[in-house]
Amino acid sequence: MSSIPKQTLCTVVPCMRYRDAPAAITWLCNTFGFEPQLVVPNEDGTIAHAQLSFGNSMIMLGSVFDTEFGRLMKQPAEIDDFVTQSTYLVVNNADLVYGRALEAGAKILLDIKDEDYGGRGFTCRDPEGHVWSVGTYDPQG
């Protein structure tokens, strides 16, 4: 086995960009249950950097900026709502989160169902088009 991974609780951290990062932070926390760990706002109200925790994992996000790194990424709306990756959240109660997602106006892409491989889950888009899968299937458990 490789010794490359660092021994830490969270070794893979998705990084995302949002046009309205403050609204995205609120939506992700209220809908999925993320908790703000660190939010660094700019003077103009955009977000330079944010870390949202979820159990022993997290995502990092920020506002869309025209920077060297920012030019590597496209928002779903810029590429006909396609995405090149999505995030899977392992939850205890997929039906509860599904209800929250519906109330928050998420576009449901794959309705909630019991999966053949185990677990129960659904797939949706957040307000800016990023694709999220949420379910009880735990590949580690």
C-alpha atoms as a PDB file:
ATOM      1  CA  MET A   1       0.000   0.000   0.000  1.00  0.00           C
ATOM      2  CA  SER A   2       1.177   3.482  -0.819  1.00  0.00           C
ATOM      3  CA  SER A   3       2.322   5.797   1.940  1.00  0.00           C
ATOM      4  CA  ILE A   4       1.181   8.873   0.014  1.00  0.00           C
ATOM      5  CA  PRO A   5      -2.142   9.565   1.828  1.00  0.00           C
ATOM      6  CA  LYS A   6      -1.721  11.627   4.954  1.00  0.00           C
ATOM      7  CA  GLN A   7      -3.135  10.092   8.112  1.00  0.00           C
ATOM      8  CA  THR A   8      -5.959  12.510   8.839  1.00  0.00           C
ATOM      9  CA  LEU A   9      -9.711  12.257   9.267  1.00  0.00           C
ATOM     10  CA  CYS A  10     -10.476  13.881   5.909  1.00  0.00           C
ATOM     11  CA  THR A  11      -8.151  13.070   3.018  1.00  0.00           C
ATOM     12  CA  VAL A  12     -10.264  14.039  -0.010  1.00  0.00           C
ATOM     13  CA  VAL A  13     -11.903  17.459  -0.015  1.00  0.00           C
ATOM     14  CA  PRO A  14     -14.093  18.532  -2.965  1.00  0.00           C
ATOM     15  CA  CYS A  15     -13.544  22.173  -3.974  1.00  0.00           C
ATOM     16  CA  MET A  16     -16.417  24.067  -5.560  1.00  0.00           C
ATOM     17  CA  ARG A  17     -17.181  27.543  -6.865  1.00  0.00           C
ATOM     18  CA  TYR A  18     -20.488  29.402  -6.656  1.00  0.00           C
ATOM     19  CA  ARG A  19     -21.632  32.663  -8.231  1.00  0.00           C
ATOM     20  CA  ASP A  20     -23.485  33.463  -4.993  1.00  0.00           C
ATOM     21  CA  ALA A  21     -21.314  31.675  -2.452  1.00  0.00           C
ATOM     22  CA  PRO A  22     -22.975  33.228   0.639  1.00  0.00           C
ATOM     23  CA  ALA A  23     -26.376  31.916  -0.527  1.00  0.00           C
ATOM     24  CA  ALA A  24     -24.827  28.529  -1.377  1.00  0.00           C
ATOM     25  CA  ILE A  25     -23.349  28.243   2.118  1.00  0.00           C
ATOM     26  CA  THR A  26     -26.745  28.949   3.672  1.00  0.00           C
ATOM     27  CA  TRP A  27     -28.478  26.488   1.333  1.00  0.00           C
ATOM     28  CA  LEU A  28     -25.956  23.688   1.890  1.00  0.00           C
ATOM     29  CA  CYS A  29     -26.106  24.108   5.669  1.00  0.00           C
ATOM     30  CA  ASN A  30     -29.898  24.346   5.894  1.00  0.00           C
ATOM     31  CA  THR A  31     -30.636  21.631   3.331  1.00  0.00           C
ATOM     32  CA  PHE A  32     -27.917  19.022   3.720  1.00  0.00           C
ATOM     33  CA  GLY A  33     -26.688  19.753   7.223  1.00  0.00           C
ATOM     34  CA  PHE A  34     -23.212  21.107   6.522  1.00  0.00           C
ATOM     35  CA  GLU A  35     -21.719  23.274   9.257  1.00  0.00           C
ATOM     36  CA  PRO A  36     -19.541  26.307   8.542  1.00  0.00           C
ATOM     37  CA  GLN A  37     -16.066  25.611   9.878  1.00  0.00           C
ATOM     38  CA  LEU A  38     -14.352  28.632   8.316  1.00  0.00           C
ATOM     39  CA  VAL A  39     -15.797  31.383   6.130  1.00  0.00           C
ATOM     40  CA  VAL A  40     -13.510  34.138   4.815  1.00  0.00           C
ATOM     41  CA  PRO A  41     -15.552  36.926   3.210  1.00  0.00           C
ATOM     42  CA  ASN A  42     -14.149  39.619   0.966  1.00  0.00           C
ATOM     43  CA  GLU A  43     -15.061  43.267   1.502  1.00  0.00           C
ATOM     44  CA  ASP A  44     -17.488  43.127  -1.444  1.00  0.00           C
ATOM     45  CA  GLY A  45     -19.499  40.260   0.087  1.00  0.00           C
ATOM     46  CA  THR A  46     -18.008  37.491  -2.046  1.00  0.00           C
ATOM     47  CA  ILE A  47     -16.351  34.530  -0.378  1.00  0.00           C
ATOM     48  CA  ALA A  48     -12.580  34.161  -0.674  1.00  0.00           C
ATOM     49  CA  HIS A  49     -12.623  30.735   0.969  1.00  0.00           C
ATOM     50  CA  ALA A  50     -15.035  28.620   3.002  1.00  0.00           C
ATOM     51  CA  GLN A  51     -14.806  25.236   4.652  1.00  0.00           C
ATOM     52  CA  LEU A  52     -18.042  23.440   5.446  1.00  0.00           C
ATOM     53  CA  SER A  53     -17.832  20.330   7.590  1.00  0.00           C
ATOM     54  CA  PHE A  54     -20.055  17.279   7.280  1.00  0.00           C
ATOM     55  CA  GLY A  55     -19.345  14.554   9.822  1.00  0.00           C
ATOM     56  CA  ASN A  56     -15.630  13.851   9.528  1.00  0.00           C
ATOM     57  CA  SER A  57     -15.508  15.250   5.979  1.00  0.00           C
ATOM     58  CA  MET A  58     -15.762  18.670   4.414  1.00  0.00           C
ATOM     59  CA  ILE A  59     -16.012  20.650   1.231  1.00  0.00           C
ATOM     60  CA  MET A  60     -14.217  23.864   0.396  1.00  0.00           C
ATOM     61  CA  LEU A  61     -15.881  26.522  -1.688  1.00  0.00           C
ATOM     62  CA  GLY A  62     -15.568  30.095  -2.770  1.00  0.00           C
ATOM     63  CA  SER A  63     -17.062  32.656  -5.089  1.00  0.00           C
ATOM     64  CA  VAL A  64     -16.407  32.449  -8.814  1.00  0.00           C
ATOM     65  CA  PHE A  65     -13.328  34.552  -9.572  1.00  0.00           C
ATOM     66  CA  ASP A  66     -11.308  35.168 -12.711  1.00  0.00           C
ATOM     67  CA  THR A  67      -8.055  33.738 -11.367  1.00  0.00           C
ATOM     68  CA  GLU A  68      -5.586  31.180 -12.663  1.00  0.00           C
ATOM     69  CA  PHE A  69      -7.355  28.456 -10.635  1.00  0.00           C
ATOM     70  CA  GLY A  70     -10.817  29.842 -11.361  1.00  0.00           C
ATOM     71  CA  ARG A  71     -10.237  29.596 -15.113  1.00  0.00           C
ATOM     72  CA  LEU A  72      -9.757  25.823 -14.719  1.00  0.00           C
ATOM     73  CA  MET A  73     -13.399  25.429 -13.697  1.00  0.00           C
ATOM     74  CA  LYS A  74     -16.765  25.985 -15.352  1.00  0.00           C
ATOM     75  CA  GLN A  75     -20.100  26.383 -13.625  1.00  0.00           C
ATOM     76  CA  PRO A  76     -22.831  23.923 -14.652  1.00  0.00           C
ATOM     77  CA  ALA A  77     -24.852  26.754 -16.248  1.00  0.00           C
ATOM     78  CA  GLU A  78     -21.894  27.465 -18.554  1.00  0.00           C
ATOM     79  CA  ILE A  79     -21.835  23.908 -19.922  1.00  0.00           C
ATOM     80  CA  ASP A  80     -25.535  23.108 -20.443  1.00  0.00           C
ATOM     81  CA  ASP A  81     -25.939  21.971 -16.798  1.00  0.00           C
ATOM     82  CA  PHE A  82     -23.457  19.142 -17.214  1.00  0.00           C
ATOM     83  CA  VAL A  83     -20.961  18.421 -14.455  1.00  0.00           C
ATOM     84  CA  THR A  84     -17.710  16.491 -14.536  1.00  0.00           C
ATOM     85  CA  GLN A  85     -17.989  15.244 -10.965  1.00  0.00           C
ATOM     86  CA  SER A  86     -20.527  15.042  -8.188  1.00  0.00           C
ATOM     87  CA  THR A  87     -20.459  14.599  -4.441  1.00  0.00           C
ATOM     88  CA  TYR A  88     -22.073  11.785  -2.453  1.00  0.00           C
ATOM     89  CA  LEU A  89     -23.202  12.501   1.114  1.00  0.00           C
ATOM     90  CA  VAL A  90     -23.638   9.563   3.487  1.00  0.00           C
ATOM     91  CA  VAL A  91     -26.557  10.291   5.819  1.00  0.00           C
ATOM     92  CA  ASN A  92     -28.507   8.381   8.469  1.00  0.00           C
ATOM     93  CA  ASN A  93     -31.928   9.331   7.096  1.00  0.00           C
ATOM     94  CA  ALA A  94     -32.162   9.913   3.339  1.00  0.00           C
ATOM     95  CA  ASP A  95     -35.915  10.562   3.495  1.00  0.00           C
ATOM     96  CA  LEU A  96     -35.408  13.453   5.925  1.00  0.00           C
ATOM     97  CA  VAL A  97     -32.794  15.082   3.700  1.00  0.00           C
ATOM     98  CA  TYR A  98     -34.938  14.408   0.621  1.00  0.00           C
ATOM     99  CA  GLY A  99     -37.790  16.343   2.256  1.00  0.00           C
ATOM    100  CA  ARG A 100     -35.456  19.225   3.065  1.00  0.00           C
ATOM    101  CA  ALA A 101     -34.149  19.245  -0.509  1.00  0.00           C
ATOM    102  CA  LEU A 102     -37.693  19.415  -1.889  1.00  0.00           C
ATOM    103  CA  GLU A 103     -38.585  22.253   0.514  1.00  0.00           C
ATOM    104  CA  ALA A 104     -35.426  24.124  -0.486  1.00  0.00           C
ATOM    105  CA  GLY A 105     -36.324  23.914  -4.187  1.00  0.00           C
ATOM    106  CA  ALA A 106     -33.685  21.394  -5.253  1.00  0.00           C
ATOM    107  CA  LYS A 107     -34.253  19.927  -8.689  1.00  0.00           C
ATOM    108  CA  ILE A 108     -34.577  16.187  -8.135  1.00  0.00           C
ATOM    109  CA  LEU A 109     -32.714  14.297 -10.865  1.00  0.00           C
ATOM    110  CA  LEU A 110     -33.080  10.746  -9.527  1.00  0.00           C
ATOM    111  CA  ASP A 111     -35.980  10.217  -7.127  1.00  0.00           C
ATOM    112  CA  ILE A 112     -35.437   8.619  -3.745  1.00  0.00           C
ATOM    113  CA  LYS A 113     -35.324   4.841  -3.852  1.00  0.00           C
ATOM    114  CA  ASP A 114     -33.809   1.743  -2.284  1.00  0.00           C
ATOM    115  CA  GLU A 115     -30.667   0.820  -4.207  1.00  0.00           C
ATOM    116  CA  ASP A 116     -29.837  -2.719  -5.402  1.00  0.00           C
ATOM    117  CA  TYR A 117     -26.368  -2.417  -3.831  1.00  0.00           C
ATOM    118  CA  GLY A 118     -27.788  -1.355  -0.467  1.00  0.00           C
ATOM    119  CA  GLY A 119     -28.864   1.928   1.026  1.00  0.00           C
ATOM    120  CA  ARG A 120     -31.519   4.420   0.083  1.00  0.00           C
ATOM    121  CA  GLY A 121     -30.881   7.689  -1.689  1.00  0.00           C
ATOM    122  CA  PHE A 122     -31.561  10.314  -4.313  1.00  0.00           C
ATOM    123  CA  THR A 123     -29.728  12.735  -6.605  1.00  0.00           C
ATOM    124  CA  CYS A 124     -30.470  16.443  -7.002  1.00  0.00           C
ATOM    125  CA  ARG A 125     -29.098  19.765  -8.182  1.00  0.00           C
ATOM    126  CA  ASP A 126     -28.381  22.620  -5.819  1.00  0.00           C
ATOM    127  CA  PRO A 127     -29.550  26.134  -6.825  1.00  0.00           C
ATOM    128  CA  GLU A 128     -26.483  26.676  -9.036  1.00  0.00           C
ATOM    129  CA  GLY A 129     -26.681  23.305 -10.760  1.00  0.00           C
ATOM    130  CA  HIS A 130     -24.068  21.247  -8.920  1.00  0.00           C
ATOM    131  CA  VAL A 131     -25.109  17.592  -8.673  1.00  0.00           C
ATOM    132  CA  TRP A 132     -25.367  15.961  -5.248  1.00  0.00           C
ATOM    133  CA  SER A 133     -26.209  12.359  -4.410  1.00  0.00           C
ATOM    134  CA  VAL A 134     -27.445  11.741  -0.880  1.00  0.00           C
ATOM    135  CA  GLY A 135     -28.009   8.358   0.645  1.00  0.00           C
ATOM    136  CA  THR A 136     -27.599   5.887   3.428  1.00  0.00           C
ATOM    137  CA  TYR A 137     -25.172   3.624   1.535  1.00  0.00           C
ATOM    138  CA  ASP A 138     -21.841   3.742   3.363  1.00  0.00           C
ATOM    139  CA  PRO A 139     -19.011   2.206   1.332  1.00  0.00           C
ATOM    140  CA  GLN A 140     -16.858   2.121   4.485  1.00  0.00           C
ATOM    141  CA  GLY A 141     -19.462   0.463   6.705  1.00  0.00           C
END
